[in-house]
């Protein structure tokens, strides 16, 4: 019980906006918080020895899982090593937007009790943090708890999406479950009774999401939509505003390609303004008519020294789904709202860059 209380306290401290900060791209959140998962990409021969079969379900994470031989070997040999790069500080509101949109969407999917998620997040962070710091150079290399520090954001985003992947892909996933939620405030509470009471609430997954295969896809889509919507709201009345995202249909043609490139480029600039990467660029290629996509377009977005460079690589090495490719998610949301269909998308990483590629029609 004490561990759960510490988890909730640390999480609220981590994600609460700093006092005195002006309103910015902060997505709305609700009662639940974030994170749980560990060691999904360990070779089967190691994993089957170190983890009981029940660990593959979305049950509560146990300390023996985070401290097992498999988990230790994964951290030491399987995850890529972080490297120190010149990266800008993130804007606090933007960093919170990325984190909150990711876990609030998981909350809305109703596939895991979020009070369990809080405890699991604490255990993951406790197990993974020190090896990450040591690999970066030890004391002073990471400002723990500071989301504006790209080194810390890289770590915490890795932990979050490792957890999300576990929760939306584990078998079996609950359709109906109970979770603890804050109890309603009563008159006694208002006159000084102890706060922090919780009650058990029955949660049922939405009927349209009963197919587990839809959960990673839906999470990815909703996160991209939330980020795009908030950026639209923040920059709507500024010179940096995005093009109007109207619902396009067969009666309203898609945005012309010559206007699409400036639109995506402006979105990349908003990520850069908020410190997500050191630099970035967009290239657009019209696919040849003989390729089978006569009206197809390929977009290539390059980010230099992004704040999720290590975590993106690490999550790919674990084969997580979804991952924290925030730029790609948001571009997918934008082009869809501008009348295009995404045929395929991918992201890869070099030592210093993230390269996202979309094929759209």
Protein backbone atom coordinates (compact mmCIF):
# COMPACT_ATOMS: atom_id res chain seq x y z
CA UNK A 1 0.00 0.00 0.00
CA UNK A 2 2.85 2.35 0.83
CA UNK A 3 4.42 1.71 -2.57
CA UNK A 4 1.19 2.68 -4.31
CA UNK A 5 0.96 5.93 -2.35
CA UNK A 6 4.57 6.81 -3.23
CA UNK A 7 3.82 6.02 -6.88
CA UNK A 8 0.82 8.34 -7.00
CA UNK A 9 2.77 11.14 -5.29
CA UNK A 10 5.75 10.89 -7.64
CA UNK A 11 3.52 10.76 -10.69
CA UNK A 12 1.47 13.79 -9.70
CA UNK A 13 4.69 15.70 -9.01
CA UNK A 14 6.16 14.71 -12.35
CA UNK A 15 3.21 15.66 -14.51
CA UNK A 16 1.69 18.62 -12.68
CA UNK A 17 2.30 21.89 -14.58
CA UNK A 18 4.73 24.19 -12.82
CA UNK A 19 3.13 27.12 -11.08
CA UNK A 20 3.41 30.42 -12.86
CA UNK A 21 3.72 28.89 -16.32
CA UNK A 22 1.47 30.49 -18.88
CA UNK A 23 -1.15 28.32 -20.62
CA UNK A 24 0.32 26.25 -23.39
CA UNK A 25 -0.12 22.97 -25.24
CA UNK A 26 -1.39 20.97 -22.30
CA UNK A 27 -3.87 18.27 -23.17
CA UNK A 28 -6.79 17.65 -20.85
CA UNK A 29 -6.38 14.66 -18.56
CA UNK A 30 -8.60 12.81 -16.15
CA UNK A 31 -8.36 10.66 -13.07
CA UNK A 32 -5.80 8.12 -14.06
CA UNK A 33 -2.06 8.30 -14.72
CA UNK A 34 0.51 6.29 -16.55
CA UNK A 35 2.71 3.44 -17.21
CA UNK A 36 3.70 -0.19 -16.83
CA UNK A 37 5.65 -2.86 -18.74
CA UNK A 38 8.99 -4.60 -18.84
CA UNK A 39 11.16 -6.88 -20.98
CA UNK A 40 8.99 -7.86 -23.96
CA UNK A 41 11.80 -8.21 -26.45
CA UNK A 42 13.95 -10.69 -24.54
CA UNK A 43 14.78 -13.82 -26.57
CA UNK A 44 12.25 -16.57 -25.93
CA UNK A 45 14.78 -18.96 -24.46
CA UNK A 46 15.71 -16.43 -21.76
CA UNK A 47 12.20 -15.09 -21.20
CA UNK A 48 10.60 -18.49 -20.71
CA UNK A 49 13.06 -19.28 -17.91
CA UNK A 50 12.98 -15.94 -16.12
CA UNK A 51 9.28 -15.03 -16.45
CA UNK A 52 6.25 -17.14 -15.55
CA UNK A 53 3.61 -17.34 -18.25
CA UNK A 54 1.24 -15.13 -16.26
CA UNK A 55 3.67 -12.22 -16.65
CA UNK A 56 2.64 -12.01 -20.30
CA UNK A 57 -0.86 -10.97 -19.30
CA UNK A 58 -1.70 -7.44 -18.25
CA UNK A 59 -1.50 -8.28 -14.57
CA UNK A 60 0.22 -6.20 -11.90
CA UNK A 61 3.96 -5.91 -12.36
CA UNK A 62 6.03 -7.58 -9.63
CA UNK A 63 9.49 -6.61 -8.45
CA UNK A 64 10.86 -10.04 -9.33
CA UNK A 65 10.01 -9.28 -12.96
CA UNK A 66 11.91 -6.00 -13.05
CA UNK A 67 14.86 -7.56 -11.22
CA UNK A 68 14.89 -10.91 -13.02
CA UNK A 69 17.84 -12.26 -14.98
CA UNK A 70 15.98 -11.58 -18.22
CA UNK A 71 15.34 -7.95 -17.33
CA UNK A 72 18.95 -7.39 -16.27
CA UNK A 73 20.29 -9.02 -19.44
CA UNK A 74 17.95 -6.97 -21.58
CA UNK A 75 19.06 -3.69 -20.05
CA UNK A 76 22.74 -4.63 -20.33
CA UNK A 77 22.92 -6.25 -23.76
CA UNK A 78 19.74 -5.75 -25.81
CA UNK A 79 18.80 -2.10 -25.42
CA UNK A 80 20.80 0.48 -27.40
CA UNK A 81 23.10 2.68 -25.36
CA UNK A 82 22.11 6.34 -25.01
CA UNK A 83 24.56 8.92 -26.27
CA UNK A 84 24.99 12.53 -25.21
CA UNK A 85 23.94 14.93 -27.93
CA UNK A 86 23.34 18.65 -28.25
CA UNK A 87 19.58 18.89 -27.83
CA UNK A 88 17.40 21.88 -26.93
CA UNK A 89 15.29 21.99 -23.79
CA UNK A 90 11.67 21.11 -24.37
CA UNK A 91 8.91 23.57 -23.67
CA UNK A 92 7.28 22.34 -20.46
CA UNK A 93 3.71 22.60 -21.73
CA UNK A 94 4.59 20.74 -24.91
CA UNK A 95 6.38 17.96 -23.02
CA UNK A 96 3.36 17.57 -20.74
CA UNK A 97 1.10 17.49 -23.80
CA UNK A 98 3.01 14.54 -25.25
CA UNK A 99 2.99 12.63 -21.96
CA UNK A 100 -0.59 13.37 -20.98
CA UNK A 101 -2.11 12.68 -24.37
CA UNK A 102 -0.40 9.28 -24.38
CA UNK A 103 -1.71 8.10 -21.02
CA UNK A 104 -5.11 9.81 -21.18
CA UNK A 105 -5.82 7.93 -24.40
CA UNK A 106 -4.85 4.68 -22.68
CA UNK A 107 -7.24 5.68 -19.91
CA UNK A 108 -10.05 6.16 -22.44
CA UNK A 109 -9.40 2.75 -24.03
CA UNK A 110 -10.29 1.08 -20.69
CA UNK A 111 -8.03 -1.93 -21.13
CA UNK A 112 -6.20 -1.81 -17.79
CA UNK A 113 -6.97 -0.50 -14.29
CA UNK A 114 -5.12 2.79 -14.04
CA UNK A 115 -4.37 2.48 -10.34
CA UNK A 116 -2.42 -0.66 -11.23
CA UNK A 117 -0.77 1.33 -14.00
CA UNK A 118 0.54 3.88 -11.48
CA UNK A 119 2.17 1.24 -9.31
CA UNK A 120 3.70 -0.50 -12.31
CA UNK A 121 5.15 2.77 -13.57
CA UNK A 122 6.92 3.32 -10.28
CA UNK A 123 8.48 -0.16 -10.43
CA UNK A 124 9.62 0.29 -14.03
CA UNK A 125 11.16 3.66 -13.35
CA UNK A 126 12.90 2.34 -10.27
CA UNK A 127 14.42 -0.56 -12.20
CA UNK A 128 15.37 1.20 -15.43
CA UNK A 129 16.48 4.66 -14.34
CA UNK A 130 19.93 4.08 -12.84
CA UNK A 131 21.25 1.93 -15.71
CA UNK A 132 20.14 4.65 -18.11
CA UNK A 133 21.85 7.40 -16.10
CA UNK A 134 25.05 5.37 -15.77
CA UNK A 135 25.13 4.80 -19.53
CA UNK A 136 24.80 8.55 -20.12
CA UNK A 137 27.71 9.40 -17.85
CA UNK A 138 26.43 9.16 -14.30
CA UNK A 139 25.53 11.89 -11.83
CA UNK A 140 24.64 15.21 -13.44
CA UNK A 141 23.79 13.79 -16.85
CA UNK A 142 20.02 13.72 -16.20
CA UNK A 143 17.79 16.17 -14.34
CA UNK A 144 15.45 13.69 -12.72
CA UNK A 145 11.80 14.74 -12.86
CA UNK A 146 12.45 17.65 -15.25
CA UNK A 147 10.44 17.07 -18.43
CA UNK A 148 12.23 19.95 -20.15
CA UNK A 149 15.51 18.01 -19.94
CA UNK A 150 15.69 15.98 -23.20
CA UNK A 151 17.73 13.28 -21.49
CA UNK A 152 15.06 12.79 -18.84
CA UNK A 153 12.18 13.07 -21.32
CA UNK A 154 13.87 10.43 -23.47
CA UNK A 155 13.91 8.04 -20.52
CA UNK A 156 10.41 8.70 -19.19
CA UNK A 157 8.87 8.43 -22.66
CA UNK A 158 10.58 5.07 -23.14
CA UNK A 159 9.10 3.80 -19.88
CA UNK A 160 5.66 5.11 -20.75
CA UNK A 161 5.44 3.46 -24.14
CA UNK A 162 6.97 0.20 -22.97
CA UNK A 163 4.08 0.14 -20.51
CA UNK A 164 1.44 1.15 -23.02
CA UNK A 165 2.55 -1.56 -25.43
CA UNK A 166 2.28 -4.15 -22.67
CA UNK A 167 -1.22 -3.04 -21.76
CA UNK A 168 -2.71 -2.90 -25.25
CA UNK A 169 -1.14 -6.10 -26.56
CA UNK A 170 -1.16 -8.51 -23.61
CA UNK A 171 -3.39 -11.58 -23.70
CA UNK A 172 -5.84 -11.91 -22.12
CA UNK A 173 -6.98 -8.31 -21.75
CA UNK A 174 -9.88 -7.58 -19.41
CA UNK A 175 -13.18 -6.34 -20.81
CA UNK A 176 -14.66 -5.58 -17.40
CA UNK A 177 -12.57 -4.77 -14.34
CA UNK A 178 -12.53 -2.66 -11.17
CA UNK A 179 -10.17 0.19 -10.50
CA UNK A 180 -9.70 2.57 -7.62
CA UNK A 181 -10.76 6.14 -8.25
CA UNK A 182 -10.83 9.17 -5.92
CA UNK A 183 -13.96 9.19 -3.79
CA UNK A 184 -16.40 12.09 -4.27
CA UNK A 185 -15.84 15.03 -1.94
CA UNK A 186 -18.33 15.12 0.92
CA UNK A 187 -19.30 17.83 3.40
CA UNK A 188 -17.05 16.16 5.96
CA UNK A 189 -14.12 16.39 3.56
CA UNK A 190 -14.74 20.08 3.07
CA UNK A 191 -14.52 20.81 6.79
CA UNK A 192 -11.20 19.12 7.27
CA UNK A 193 -11.64 15.34 7.07
CA UNK A 194 -8.69 13.38 5.66
CA UNK A 195 -8.40 13.44 1.91
CA UNK A 196 -7.09 10.73 -0.40
CA UNK A 197 -9.99 8.28 -0.04
CA UNK A 198 -10.54 5.89 -2.95
CA UNK A 199 -13.46 3.71 -4.02
CA UNK A 200 -13.67 0.70 -6.33
CA UNK A 201 -15.39 1.49 -9.64
CA UNK A 202 -16.43 -1.05 -12.26
CA UNK A 203 -15.02 -0.15 -15.70
CA UNK A 204 -16.20 -1.70 -18.96
CA UNK A 205 -14.30 -1.41 -22.22
CA UNK A 206 -16.23 0.35 -25.03
CA UNK A 207 -17.98 -2.20 -27.28
CA UNK A 208 -16.27 -0.86 -30.41
CA UNK A 209 -12.88 -1.73 -28.89
CA UNK A 210 -13.52 -5.32 -27.82
CA UNK A 211 -11.17 -6.57 -30.55
CA UNK A 212 -7.74 -6.34 -28.90
CA UNK A 213 -6.04 -5.79 -32.25
CA UNK A 214 -7.72 -2.41 -32.50
CA UNK A 215 -6.18 -1.05 -29.30
CA UNK A 216 -2.65 -0.17 -30.58
CA UNK A 217 -4.11 1.31 -33.76
CA UNK A 218 -6.68 3.36 -31.91
CA UNK A 219 -4.15 4.57 -29.35
CA UNK A 220 -1.84 5.76 -32.09
CA UNK A 221 -4.61 7.60 -33.93
CA UNK A 222 -6.07 9.30 -30.87
CA UNK A 223 -2.71 10.53 -29.57
CA UNK A 224 -1.90 12.09 -32.94
CA UNK A 225 -5.34 13.71 -33.03
CA UNK A 226 -4.95 15.17 -29.53
CA UNK A 227 -1.52 16.64 -30.22
CA UNK A 228 -2.67 18.19 -33.50
CA UNK A 229 -5.83 19.61 -31.96
CA UNK A 230 -3.93 21.28 -29.13
CA UNK A 231 -1.34 22.79 -31.48
CA UNK A 232 -4.17 24.17 -33.59
CA UNK A 233 -5.74 25.78 -30.53
CA UNK A 234 -2.53 27.31 -29.25
CA UNK A 235 -1.27 28.78 -32.52
CA UNK A 236 -4.62 29.55 -34.20
CA UNK A 237 -4.31 33.34 -33.87
CA UNK A 238 -0.58 33.58 -34.51
CA UNK A 239 1.56 33.80 -37.65
CA UNK A 240 2.63 30.19 -36.94
CA UNK A 241 -0.91 28.81 -37.27
CA UNK A 242 -1.60 25.57 -39.10
CA UNK A 243 -3.96 25.32 -42.10
CA UNK A 244 -7.61 24.89 -41.18
CA UNK A 245 -8.37 21.24 -40.47
CA UNK A 246 -11.82 20.83 -42.01
CA UNK A 247 -13.57 17.54 -42.69
CA UNK A 248 -12.96 16.75 -46.32
CA UNK A 249 -15.05 14.30 -48.37
CA UNK A 250 -15.76 13.38 -51.97
CA UNK A 251 -17.48 16.73 -52.39
CA UNK A 252 -14.55 18.61 -50.91
CA UNK A 253 -11.28 17.60 -52.59
CA UNK A 254 -8.09 17.03 -50.69
CA UNK A 255 -5.63 19.84 -50.13
CA UNK A 256 -3.54 20.24 -53.32
CA UNK A 257 0.00 18.79 -53.11
CA UNK A 258 1.56 22.22 -53.61
CA UNK A 259 -0.20 23.35 -50.40
CA UNK A 260 0.42 20.12 -48.51
CA UNK A 261 4.18 20.50 -48.27
CA UNK A 262 4.03 23.96 -46.60
CA UNK A 263 1.37 22.64 -44.20
CA UNK A 264 3.48 19.70 -43.03
CA UNK A 265 6.56 21.90 -42.90
CA UNK A 266 4.72 24.30 -40.59
CA UNK A 267 3.80 21.42 -38.28
CA UNK A 268 7.46 20.40 -38.09
CA UNK A 269 8.36 24.00 -37.23
CA UNK A 270 5.91 23.95 -34.30
CA UNK A 271 7.64 20.84 -32.93
CA UNK A 272 10.98 22.65 -33.30
CA UNK A 273 9.65 25.82 -31.64
CA UNK A 274 8.74 23.67 -28.65
CA UNK A 275 12.21 22.15 -28.42
CA UNK A 276 11.36 18.67 -29.65
CA UNK A 277 14.43 18.55 -31.90
CA UNK A 278 17.45 20.62 -32.86
CA UNK A 279 16.46 20.92 -36.53
CA UNK A 280 14.07 19.38 -39.02
CA UNK A 281 13.05 19.27 -42.66
CA UNK A 282 10.35 17.85 -44.95
CA UNK A 283 10.69 16.48 -48.48
CA UNK A 284 7.80 15.55 -50.77
CA UNK A 285 8.01 13.22 -53.76
CA UNK A 286 5.23 12.64 -56.29
CA UNK A 287 5.14 8.92 -57.04
CA UNK A 288 5.47 7.98 -60.73
CA UNK A 289 2.28 6.93 -62.49
CA UNK A 290 3.66 3.46 -63.21
CA UNK A 291 4.13 2.69 -59.53
CA UNK A 292 0.51 1.72 -58.90
CA UNK A 293 -0.09 4.93 -56.96
CA UNK A 294 -0.68 7.42 -59.76
CA UNK A 295 -1.86 10.05 -57.29
CA UNK A 296 0.47 8.96 -54.53
CA UNK A 297 2.79 11.19 -52.53
CA UNK A 298 5.72 10.28 -50.32
CA UNK A 299 6.58 12.53 -47.40
CA UNK A 300 9.95 12.27 -45.66
CA UNK A 301 10.37 14.09 -42.35
CA UNK A 302 13.84 14.30 -40.82
CA UNK A 303 14.42 15.45 -37.24
CA UNK A 304 17.96 16.15 -36.03
CA UNK A 305 18.69 15.26 -32.38
CA UNK A 306 15.05 14.70 -31.37
CA UNK A 307 14.18 14.33 -27.70
CA UNK A 308 13.06 10.71 -28.24
CA UNK A 309 16.14 9.52 -30.16
CA UNK A 310 17.25 6.86 -27.66
CA UNK A 311 13.75 5.85 -26.57
CA UNK A 312 12.62 5.44 -30.16
CA UNK A 313 15.49 3.06 -30.84
CA UNK A 314 14.97 1.22 -27.57
CA UNK A 315 11.25 0.75 -28.14
CA UNK A 316 11.86 -0.56 -31.64
CA UNK A 317 14.37 -3.05 -30.25
CA UNK A 318 11.63 -4.30 -27.91
CA UNK A 319 9.18 -4.47 -30.82
CA UNK A 320 6.67 -2.33 -28.95
CA UNK A 321 3.44 -1.23 -30.57
CA UNK A 322 2.58 1.63 -30.46
CA UNK A 323 5.80 3.61 -30.03
CA UNK A 324 6.52 7.23 -29.11
CA UNK A 325 6.96 8.53 -32.68
CA UNK A 326 5.04 11.71 -31.88
CA UNK A 327 6.02 13.53 -35.06
CA UNK A 328 4.80 10.72 -37.29
CA UNK A 329 1.53 10.28 -35.37
CA UNK A 330 0.74 13.97 -35.69
CA UNK A 331 1.61 14.17 -39.39
CA UNK A 332 -0.64 11.16 -40.01
CA UNK A 333 -3.46 12.96 -38.24
CA UNK A 334 -2.87 16.13 -40.26
CA UNK A 335 -2.77 14.55 -43.72
CA UNK A 336 -5.90 12.54 -42.91
CA UNK A 337 -7.79 15.67 -41.97
CA UNK A 338 -6.53 17.34 -45.16
CA UNK A 339 -8.21 14.67 -47.29
CA UNK A 340 -5.48 12.05 -47.77
CA UNK A 341 -5.34 8.35 -46.91
CA UNK A 342 -2.20 6.94 -45.33
CA UNK A 343 -1.13 3.81 -47.22
CA UNK A 344 1.99 3.14 -45.19
CA UNK A 345 4.26 4.81 -42.67
CA UNK A 346 7.53 3.96 -40.98
CA UNK A 347 10.19 5.49 -38.78
CA UNK A 348 13.87 4.69 -38.41
CA UNK A 349 16.75 6.11 -36.44
CA UNK A 350 20.38 6.89 -37.09
CA UNK A 351 22.96 8.02 -34.53
CA UNK A 352 21.58 11.55 -34.59
CA UNK A 353 18.33 11.59 -36.60
CA UNK A 354 14.79 10.33 -36.77
CA UNK A 355 13.47 9.70 -40.30
CA UNK A 356 9.70 9.29 -40.79
CA UNK A 357 8.31 8.26 -44.18
CA UNK A 358 4.65 8.28 -45.21
CA UNK A 359 3.03 7.19 -48.44
CA UNK A 360 -0.35 8.85 -48.95
CA UNK A 361 -2.98 9.11 -51.68
